[in-house]
Amino acid sequence: MGVLIALVPPCQRLARSSATDLPHQLLGCHGEVCPEATIAALQTEVAGQRTEVANLREELAIQRTAVADLRSQVAPGEAEPSATPKADSNSGKVLYEADQSGGFEEWSGTPDWQLLDGMLINDGSLLDYDAWLAAPYVPGDIANYAVEAEIQYLSTDDYMGFGFVLRADDGGGYWVGEKCGMAAIADGGNPFNYCQFLDSSVFDPGTTWHRYRAEAKDNTIKLMVDDLVVAEVVNNRFLAGGRIGLFSMGAQVSVRSFKVTAL
């Protein structure tokens, strides 16, 4: 009895084998590429690429949504933040300090200023509006700073004046303090003496101790008394660090602390 053998074409046998054998399958038809296997492989590859493209589109859509959310957090008219601004490395640094424990002995100037019990005192004997006592510390290249002092005013005449000198040079500087019953800022000793202020407010120092603070930052000059702003002005005349110090226009004052801080 004869045996019947079913002859299956090579390409049909190839289609039943696993996908991992595909490279060998493509040459399974007597050394020639099987058209059916080639088409199936290409279709599989295209399907995979389409899936990858779809995944990339989904990721891009997520990123665009995140950017839109960030932009919505920026107020109208504001620039989008590009980088964290660098803080001034000197900001907050104490540049100079003197008090009753030491430091005031290094100050020297006109004879109306003297040292008593570790404090600087002025006897009110000099009325020269151009005369002032320069601190032994010079800010130099540091233009933004605050000068703070504890001062007691002992005179009773409102026409007398006292306070700080900031950013001083040969052409003048800012005189910041009290005169004519006002807490005030002027661009020089002469204007301050004649009460020609850039800004001022009514102020009576009495005879108690107060903490006075004058700030020079960029083109803004500010005066504070006991942490309250009493005068402030924007002025472009003196922008360099210059020299600093104290002045008295016939006023008796006592100064028990003086500090310079970078802004």
C-alpha atoms as a PDB file:
ATOM      1  CA  MET A   1       0.000   0.000   0.000  1.00  0.00           C
ATOM      2  CA  GLY A   2       1.549   3.325  -1.034  1.00  0.00           C
ATOM      3  CA  VAL A   3       2.121   6.237   1.369  1.00  0.00           C
ATOM      4  CA  LEU A   4       0.683   9.602   0.490  1.00  0.00           C
ATOM      5  CA  ILE A   5       2.893  12.571   1.366  1.00  0.00           C
ATOM      6  CA  ALA A   6       1.287  16.018   1.397  1.00  0.00           C
ATOM      7  CA  LEU A   7       3.690  18.516  -0.061  1.00  0.00           C
ATOM      8  CA  VAL A   8       3.291  21.897   1.619  1.00  0.00           C
ATOM      9  CA  PRO A   9       4.948  24.816  -0.177  1.00  0.00           C
ATOM     10  CA  PRO A  10       7.913  26.240   1.733  1.00  0.00           C
ATOM     11  CA  CYS A  11       6.242  29.648   2.101  1.00  0.00           C
ATOM     12  CA  GLN A  12       3.237  28.082   3.848  1.00  0.00           C
ATOM     13  CA  ARG A  13       5.452  26.213   6.237  1.00  0.00           C
ATOM     14  CA  LEU A  14       7.305  29.463   6.898  1.00  0.00           C
ATOM     15  CA  ALA A  15       4.154  31.314   7.896  1.00  0.00           C
ATOM     16  CA  ARG A  16       3.582  28.862  10.766  1.00  0.00           C
ATOM     17  CA  SER A  17       7.005  29.396  12.365  1.00  0.00           C
ATOM     18  CA  SER A  18       7.785  31.908  15.127  1.00  0.00           C
ATOM     19  CA  ALA A  19       8.413  35.619  14.571  1.00  0.00           C
ATOM     20  CA  THR A  20      11.960  35.294  15.914  1.00  0.00           C
ATOM     21  CA  ASP A  21      12.868  33.171  12.910  1.00  0.00           C
ATOM     22  CA  LEU A  22      11.707  35.855  10.489  1.00  0.00           C
ATOM     23  CA  PRO A  23      15.139  36.716   9.030  1.00  0.00           C
ATOM     24  CA  HIS A  24      15.648  33.088   8.119  1.00  0.00           C
ATOM     25  CA  GLN A  25      12.068  32.722   6.949  1.00  0.00           C
ATOM     26  CA  LEU A  26      12.467  35.434   4.343  1.00  0.00           C
ATOM     27  CA  LEU A  27      14.947  33.206   2.552  1.00  0.00           C
ATOM     28  CA  GLY A  28      12.960  30.023   3.123  1.00  0.00           C
ATOM     29  CA  CYS A  29      11.590  29.622  -0.393  1.00  0.00           C
ATOM     30  CA  HIS A  30      14.497  27.791  -2.071  1.00  0.00           C
ATOM     31  CA  GLY A  31      16.861  30.674  -1.249  1.00  0.00           C
ATOM     32  CA  GLU A  32      14.460  33.296  -2.541  1.00  0.00           C
ATOM     33  CA  VAL A  33      12.474  35.846  -0.538  1.00  0.00           C
ATOM     34  CA  CYS A  34       8.885  34.788   0.014  1.00  0.00           C
ATOM     35  CA  PRO A  35       6.565  37.615  -1.019  1.00  0.00           C
ATOM     36  CA  GLU A  36       4.032  36.765   1.718  1.00  0.00           C
ATOM     37  CA  ALA A  37       6.672  36.855   4.496  1.00  0.00           C
ATOM     38  CA  THR A  38       8.159  40.111   3.212  1.00  0.00           C
ATOM     39  CA  ILE A  39       4.808  41.884   3.257  1.00  0.00           C
ATOM     40  CA  ALA A  40       3.998  40.593   6.756  1.00  0.00           C
ATOM     41  CA  ALA A  41       7.393  41.767   8.106  1.00  0.00           C
ATOM     42  CA  LEU A  42       6.997  45.228   6.601  1.00  0.00           C
ATOM     43  CA  GLN A  43       3.496  45.534   7.948  1.00  0.00           C
ATOM     44  CA  THR A  44       4.744  44.608  11.437  1.00  0.00           C
ATOM     45  CA  GLU A  45       7.567  47.161  11.222  1.00  0.00           C
ATOM     46  CA  VAL A  46       5.226  49.944  10.028  1.00  0.00           C
ATOM     47  CA  ALA A  47       2.761  49.176  12.825  1.00  0.00           C
ATOM     48  CA  GLY A  48       5.583  49.431  15.366  1.00  0.00           C
ATOM     49  CA  GLN A  49       6.748  52.779  13.962  1.00  0.00           C
ATOM     50  CA  ARG A  50       3.202  54.137  14.046  1.00  0.00           C
ATOM     51  CA  THR A  51       2.929  53.166  17.718  1.00  0.00           C
ATOM     52  CA  GLU A  52       6.237  54.928  18.468  1.00  0.00           C
ATOM     53  CA  VAL A  53       5.086  58.092  16.653  1.00  0.00           C
ATOM     54  CA  ALA A  54       1.811  58.047  18.584  1.00  0.00           C
ATOM     55  CA  ASN A  55       3.743  57.784  21.866  1.00  0.00           C
ATOM     56  CA  LEU A  56       5.981  60.738  20.914  1.00  0.00           C
ATOM     57  CA  ARG A  57       2.948  62.860  19.995  1.00  0.00           C
ATOM     58  CA  GLU A  58       1.347  62.073  23.352  1.00  0.00           C
ATOM     59  CA  GLU A  59       4.546  63.074  25.209  1.00  0.00           C
ATOM     60  CA  LEU A  60       4.796  66.317  23.214  1.00  0.00           C
ATOM     61  CA  ALA A  61       1.178  67.157  24.049  1.00  0.00           C
ATOM     62  CA  ILE A  62       1.927  66.666  27.769  1.00  0.00           C
ATOM     63  CA  GLN A  63       4.956  68.989  27.558  1.00  0.00           C
ATOM     64  CA  ARG A  64       2.946  71.676  25.729  1.00  0.00           C
ATOM     65  CA  THR A  65       0.286  71.515  28.450  1.00  0.00           C
ATOM     66  CA  ALA A  66       2.965  71.960  31.138  1.00  0.00           C
ATOM     67  CA  VAL A  67       4.418  75.031  29.359  1.00  0.00           C
ATOM     68  CA  ALA A  68       0.935  76.545  29.013  1.00  0.00           C
ATOM     69  CA  ASP A  69       0.354  76.073  32.748  1.00  0.00           C
ATOM     70  CA  LEU A  70       3.621  77.867  33.577  1.00  0.00           C
ATOM     71  CA  ARG A  71       2.785  80.784  31.279  1.00  0.00           C
ATOM     72  CA  SER A  72      -0.643  81.168  32.872  1.00  0.00           C
ATOM     73  CA  GLN A  73       1.084  81.749  36.238  1.00  0.00           C
ATOM     74  CA  VAL A  74       2.924  84.837  34.923  1.00  0.00           C
ATOM     75  CA  ALA A  75       0.941  88.032  35.567  1.00  0.00           C
ATOM     76  CA  PRO A  76       0.099  90.189  32.529  1.00  0.00           C
ATOM     77  CA  GLY A  77       2.922  92.583  31.732  1.00  0.00           C
ATOM     78  CA  GLU A  78       5.490  90.529  33.611  1.00  0.00           C
ATOM     79  CA  ALA A  79       8.401  88.949  31.854  1.00  0.00           C
ATOM     80  CA  GLU A  80       8.656  85.194  32.098  1.00  0.00           C
ATOM     81  CA  PRO A  81      11.334  84.179  34.586  1.00  0.00           C
ATOM     82  CA  SER A  82      14.464  83.174  32.724  1.00  0.00           C
ATOM     83  CA  ALA A  83      16.814  82.620  35.635  1.00  0.00           C
ATOM     84  CA  THR A  84      17.048  83.157  39.364  1.00  0.00           C
ATOM     85  CA  PRO A  85      18.550  86.620  39.897  1.00  0.00           C
ATOM     86  CA  LYS A  86      21.869  86.705  41.691  1.00  0.00           C
ATOM     87  CA  ALA A  87      21.808  88.345  45.090  1.00  0.00           C
ATOM     88  CA  ASP A  88      24.465  90.919  45.897  1.00  0.00           C
ATOM     89  CA  SER A  89      27.196  89.026  47.740  1.00  0.00           C
ATOM     90  CA  ASN A  90      27.668  91.975  50.135  1.00  0.00           C
ATOM     91  CA  SER A  91      23.964  92.480  50.896  1.00  0.00           C
ATOM     92  CA  GLY A  92      23.327  92.434  54.650  1.00  0.00           C
ATOM     93  CA  LYS A  93      27.028  92.449  55.486  1.00  0.00           C
ATOM     94  CA  VAL A  94      28.088  94.770  58.324  1.00  0.00           C
ATOM     95  CA  LEU A  95      30.815  96.959  56.823  1.00  0.00           C
ATOM     96  CA  TYR A  96      31.657  99.035  59.872  1.00  0.00           C
ATOM     97  CA  GLU A  97      30.507  99.345  63.472  1.00  0.00           C
ATOM     98  CA  ALA A  98      31.330 101.504  66.482  1.00  0.00           C
ATOM     99  CA  ASP A  99      29.640 101.848  69.870  1.00  0.00           C
ATOM    100  CA  GLN A 100      30.385 102.546  73.503  1.00  0.00           C
ATOM    101  CA  SER A 101      32.513  99.404  73.698  1.00  0.00           C
ATOM    102  CA  GLY A 102      34.934 100.780  71.127  1.00  0.00           C
ATOM    103  CA  GLY A 103      35.486 102.365  67.741  1.00  0.00           C
ATOM    104  CA  PHE A 104      34.556 106.014  68.320  1.00  0.00           C
ATOM    105  CA  GLU A 105      38.084 106.794  69.508  1.00  0.00           C
ATOM    106  CA  GLU A 106      39.161 106.513  65.849  1.00  0.00           C
ATOM    107  CA  TRP A 107      36.933 109.455  64.829  1.00  0.00           C
ATOM    108  CA  SER A 108      38.474 112.923  64.635  1.00  0.00           C
ATOM    109  CA  GLY A 109      37.396 116.233  63.153  1.00  0.00           C
ATOM    110  CA  THR A 110      36.127 119.637  64.207  1.00  0.00           C
ATOM    111  CA  PRO A 111      36.500 120.590  67.901  1.00  0.00           C
ATOM    112  CA  ASP A 112      32.741 120.568  68.565  1.00  0.00           C
ATOM    113  CA  TRP A 113      32.874 116.738  68.419  1.00  0.00           C
ATOM    114  CA  GLN A 114      34.345 114.968  71.454  1.00  0.00           C
ATOM    115  CA  LEU A 115      34.487 111.536  73.065  1.00  0.00           C
ATOM    116  CA  LEU A 116      32.704 111.013  76.401  1.00  0.00           C
ATOM    117  CA  ASP A 117      31.997 107.690  78.132  1.00  0.00           C
ATOM    118  CA  GLY A 118      32.621 105.872  74.863  1.00  0.00           C
ATOM    119  CA  MET A 119      30.077 108.044  73.011  1.00  0.00           C
ATOM    120  CA  LEU A 120      30.508 110.754  70.396  1.00  0.00           C
ATOM    121  CA  ILE A 121      29.026 114.020  71.616  1.00  0.00           C
ATOM    122  CA  ASN A 122      28.633 117.438  69.995  1.00  0.00           C
ATOM    123  CA  ASP A 123      28.467 120.598  72.103  1.00  0.00           C
ATOM    124  CA  GLY A 124      26.504 122.598  69.500  1.00  0.00           C
ATOM    125  CA  SER A 125      29.123 125.324  69.224  1.00  0.00           C
ATOM    126  CA  LEU A 126      29.637 125.179  65.439  1.00  0.00           C
ATOM    127  CA  LEU A 127      27.042 126.512  62.968  1.00  0.00           C
ATOM    128  CA  ASP A 128      29.014 125.904  59.765  1.00  0.00           C
ATOM    129  CA  TYR A 129      26.688 123.975  57.438  1.00  0.00           C
ATOM    130  CA  ASP A 130      29.624 122.634  55.411  1.00  0.00           C
ATOM    131  CA  ALA A 131      31.370 121.171  58.468  1.00  0.00           C
ATOM    132  CA  TRP A 132      30.801 117.493  59.203  1.00  0.00           C
ATOM    133  CA  LEU A 133      32.567 114.603  60.916  1.00  0.00           C
ATOM    134  CA  ALA A 134      33.796 111.928  58.512  1.00  0.00           C
ATOM    135  CA  ALA A 135      33.748 108.302  59.641  1.00  0.00           C
ATOM    136  CA  PRO A 136      37.075 106.428  59.553  1.00  0.00           C
ATOM    137  CA  TYR A 137      35.407 103.909  57.218  1.00  0.00           C
ATOM    138  CA  VAL A 138      34.967 104.782  53.512  1.00  0.00           C
ATOM    139  CA  PRO A 139      32.488 102.699  51.431  1.00  0.00           C
ATOM    140  CA  GLY A 140      34.541 103.183  48.261  1.00  0.00           C
ATOM    141  CA  ASP A 141      33.139 100.982  45.486  1.00  0.00           C
ATOM    142  CA  ILE A 142      30.100  99.995  47.569  1.00  0.00           C
ATOM    143  CA  ALA A 143      27.397 102.482  46.561  1.00  0.00           C
ATOM    144  CA  ASN A 144      24.393 100.780  48.198  1.00  0.00           C
ATOM    145  CA  TYR A 145      24.466 100.868  51.980  1.00  0.00           C
ATOM    146  CA  ALA A 146      22.591 101.839  55.126  1.00  0.00           C
ATOM    147  CA  VAL A 147      23.944 103.995  57.943  1.00  0.00           C
ATOM    148  CA  GLU A 148      22.297 103.497  61.319  1.00  0.00           C
ATOM    149  CA  ALA A 149      22.904 105.282  64.635  1.00  0.00           C
ATOM    150  CA  GLU A 150      21.356 105.748  68.059  1.00  0.00           C
ATOM    151  CA  ILE A 151      21.219 109.500  68.642  1.00  0.00           C
ATOM    152  CA  GLN A 152      19.907 111.718  71.415  1.00  0.00           C
ATOM    153  CA  TYR A 153      19.059 115.336  70.576  1.00  0.00           C
ATOM    154  CA  LEU A 154      19.563 117.726  73.495  1.00  0.00           C
ATOM    155  CA  SER A 155      18.858 121.126  71.922  1.00  0.00           C
ATOM    156  CA  THR A 156      15.479 122.854  72.058  1.00  0.00           C
ATOM    157  CA  ASP A 157      15.800 125.128  69.013  1.00  0.00           C
ATOM    158  CA  ASP A 158      14.097 123.636  65.922  1.00  0.00           C
ATOM    159  CA  TYR A 159      16.404 125.629  63.670  1.00  0.00           C
ATOM    160  CA  MET A 160      19.370 123.499  64.747  1.00  0.00           C
ATOM    161  CA  GLY A 161      20.005 120.359  62.746  1.00  0.00           C
ATOM    162  CA  PHE A 162      21.795 117.017  62.907  1.00  0.00           C
ATOM    163  CA  GLY A 163      22.060 113.759  61.027  1.00  0.00           C
ATOM    164  CA  PHE A 164      24.060 111.747  58.474  1.00  0.00           C
ATOM    165  CA  VAL A 165      26.131 112.601  55.447  1.00  0.00           C
ATOM    166  CA  LEU A 166      25.961 109.983  52.646  1.00  0.00           C
ATOM    167  CA  ARG A 167      27.786 109.535  49.331  1.00  0.00           C
ATOM    168  CA  ALA A 168      29.818 112.655  49.961  1.00  0.00           C
ATOM    169  CA  ASP A 169      32.434 113.905  47.507  1.00  0.00           C
ATOM    170  CA  ASP A 170      34.073 117.215  46.756  1.00  0.00           C
ATOM    171  CA  GLY A 171      30.871 118.377  45.071  1.00  0.00           C
ATOM    172  CA  GLY A 172      28.566 117.607  47.983  1.00  0.00           C
ATOM    173  CA  GLY A 173      26.476 114.623  49.003  1.00  0.00           C
ATOM    174  CA  TYR A 174      23.214 113.826  50.756  1.00  0.00           C
ATOM    175  CA  TRP A 175      22.458 115.402  54.151  1.00  0.00           C
ATOM    176  CA  VAL A 176      19.840 113.267  55.900  1.00  0.00           C
ATOM    177  CA  GLY A 177      18.430 114.043  59.342  1.00  0.00           C
ATOM    178  CA  GLU A 178      16.395 116.593  61.337  1.00  0.00           C
ATOM    179  CA  LYS A 179      16.080 120.369  60.973  1.00  0.00           C
ATOM    180  CA  CYS A 180      13.338 123.017  61.088  1.00  0.00           C
ATOM    181  CA  GLY A 181      11.080 120.539  62.905  1.00  0.00           C
ATOM    182  CA  MET A 182      11.287 118.173  59.941  1.00  0.00           C
ATOM    183  CA  ALA A 183      12.798 114.776  59.191  1.00  0.00           C
ATOM    184  CA  ALA A 184      14.401 115.549  55.858  1.00  0.00           C
ATOM    185  CA  ILE A 185      16.728 114.794  52.950  1.00  0.00           C
ATOM    186  CA  ALA A 186      18.724 117.424  51.029  1.00  0.00           C
ATOM    187  CA  ASP A 187      21.380 117.301  48.319  1.00  0.00           C
ATOM    188  CA  GLY A 188      24.015 119.236  50.237  1.00  0.00           C
ATOM    189  CA  GLY A 189      24.784 121.053  53.468  1.00  0.00           C
ATOM    190  CA  ASN A 190      23.694 124.479  52.241  1.00  0.00           C
ATOM    191  CA  PRO A 191      20.212 123.349  51.078  1.00  0.00           C
ATOM    192  CA  PHE A 192      19.754 121.414  54.314  1.00  0.00           C
ATOM    193  CA  ASN A 193      20.760 124.453  56.378  1.00  0.00           C
ATOM    194  CA  TYR A 194      18.137 126.603  54.627  1.00  0.00           C
ATOM    195  CA  CYS A 195      15.514 123.843  54.859  1.00  0.00           C
ATOM    196  CA  GLN A 196      15.422 123.382  51.078  1.00  0.00           C
ATOM    197  CA  PHE A 197      14.638 119.691  51.240  1.00  0.00           C
ATOM    198  CA  LEU A 198      14.146 117.080  48.549  1.00  0.00           C
ATOM    199  CA  ASP A 199      11.632 115.397  50.827  1.00  0.00           C
ATOM    200  CA  SER A 200      10.547 115.864  54.434  1.00  0.00           C
ATOM    201  CA  SER A 201       7.867 115.243  57.042  1.00  0.00           C
ATOM    202  CA  VAL A 202       7.029 116.840  60.376  1.00  0.00           C
ATOM    203  CA  PHE A 203       9.131 115.332  63.143  1.00  0.00           C
ATOM    204  CA  ASP A 204       9.933 116.224  66.749  1.00  0.00           C
ATOM    205  CA  PRO A 205      12.873 114.211  68.117  1.00  0.00           C
ATOM    206  CA  GLY A 206      12.334 115.370  71.696  1.00  0.00           C
ATOM    207  CA  THR A 207      15.223 114.529  73.997  1.00  0.00           C
ATOM    208  CA  THR A 208      14.838 110.747  74.024  1.00  0.00           C
ATOM    209  CA  TRP A 209      17.061 108.281  72.193  1.00  0.00           C
ATOM    210  CA  HIS A 210      15.990 107.303  68.682  1.00  0.00           C
ATOM    211  CA  ARG A 211      17.383 104.887  66.139  1.00  0.00           C
ATOM    212  CA  TYR A 212      17.990 106.746  62.892  1.00  0.00           C
ATOM    213  CA  ARG A 213      18.662 104.860  59.665  1.00  0.00           C
ATOM    214  CA  ALA A 214      19.544 106.376  56.283  1.00  0.00           C
ATOM    215  CA  GLU A 215      19.602 104.159  53.197  1.00  0.00           C
ATOM    216  CA  ALA A 216      21.221 104.820  49.834  1.00  0.00           C
ATOM    217  CA  LYS A 217      20.255 102.225  47.238  1.00  0.00           C
ATOM    218  CA  ASP A 218      20.760 102.946  43.547  1.00  0.00           C
ATOM    219  CA  ASN A 219      19.100 106.378  43.124  1.00  0.00           C
ATOM    220  CA  THR A 220      16.769 106.144  46.125  1.00  0.00           C
ATOM    221  CA  ILE A 221      17.571 107.813  49.446  1.00  0.00           C
ATOM    222  CA  LYS A 222      15.468 106.969  52.489  1.00  0.00           C
ATOM    223  CA  LEU A 223      15.337 108.099  56.120  1.00  0.00           C
ATOM    224  CA  MET A 224      13.806 105.959  58.860  1.00  0.00           C
ATOM    225  CA  VAL A 225      13.277 106.754  62.541  1.00  0.00           C
ATOM    226  CA  ASP A 226      12.619 103.810  64.854  1.00  0.00           C
ATOM    227  CA  ASP A 227      11.843 101.628  61.785  1.00  0.00           C
ATOM    228  CA  LEU A 228       9.312 104.105  60.319  1.00  0.00           C
ATOM    229  CA  VAL A 229      10.012 105.746  56.940  1.00  0.00           C
ATOM    230  CA  VAL A 230       9.808 109.527  57.416  1.00  0.00           C
ATOM    231  CA  ALA A 231      11.408 110.762  54.156  1.00  0.00           C
ATOM    232  CA  GLU A 232      12.232 109.197  50.802  1.00  0.00           C
ATOM    233  CA  VAL A 233      13.349 110.573  47.446  1.00  0.00           C
ATOM    234  CA  VAL A 234      14.574 109.383  44.049  1.00  0.00           C
ATOM    235  CA  ASN A 235      17.527 111.517  42.954  1.00  0.00           C
ATOM    236  CA  ASN A 236      20.298 110.946  40.414  1.00  0.00           C
ATOM    237  CA  ARG A 237      22.864 113.471  41.617  1.00  0.00           C
ATOM    238  CA  PHE A 238      25.135 111.329  43.813  1.00  0.00           C
ATOM    239  CA  LEU A 239      25.383 107.665  42.856  1.00  0.00           C
ATOM    240  CA  ALA A 240      28.883 106.610  43.967  1.00  0.00           C
ATOM    241  CA  GLY A 241      29.693 105.287  47.439  1.00  0.00           C
ATOM    242  CA  GLY A 242      31.648 108.371  48.480  1.00  0.00           C
ATOM    243  CA  ARG A 243      32.270 109.101  52.147  1.00  0.00           C
ATOM    244  CA  ILE A 244      29.955 108.934  55.147  1.00  0.00           C
ATOM    245  CA  GLY A 245      29.697 110.653  58.513  1.00  0.00           C
ATOM    246  CA  LEU A 246      27.725 112.796  60.939  1.00  0.00           C
ATOM    247  CA  PHE A 247      26.852 116.472  60.999  1.00  0.00           C
ATOM    248  CA  SER A 248      25.570 118.962  63.565  1.00  0.00           C
ATOM    249  CA  MET A 249      24.414 122.474  62.721  1.00  0.00           C
ATOM    250  CA  GLY A 250      24.572 124.037  66.176  1.00  0.00           C
ATOM    251  CA  ALA A 251      22.786 121.047  67.736  1.00  0.00           C
ATOM    252  CA  GLN A 252      23.860 119.302  70.912  1.00  0.00           C
ATOM    253  CA  VAL A 253      23.690 115.556  70.281  1.00  0.00           C
ATOM    254  CA  SER A 254      24.999 112.300  71.736  1.00  0.00           C
ATOM    255  CA  VAL A 255      25.730 109.271  69.557  1.00  0.00           C
ATOM    256  CA  ARG A 256      26.149 105.898  71.257  1.00  0.00           C
ATOM    257  CA  SER A 257      26.253 103.602  68.212  1.00  0.00           C
ATOM    258  CA  PHE A 258      27.037 103.841  64.496  1.00  0.00           C
ATOM    259  CA  LYS A 259      26.795 101.015  61.961  1.00  0.00           C
ATOM    260  CA  VAL A 260      27.178 100.681  58.193  1.00  0.00           C
ATOM    261  CA  THR A 261      25.502  97.773  56.412  1.00  0.00           C
ATOM    262  CA  ALA A 262      25.648  96.833  52.719  1.00  0.00           C
ATOM    263  CA  LEU A 263      22.332  96.749  50.841  1.00  0.00           C
END
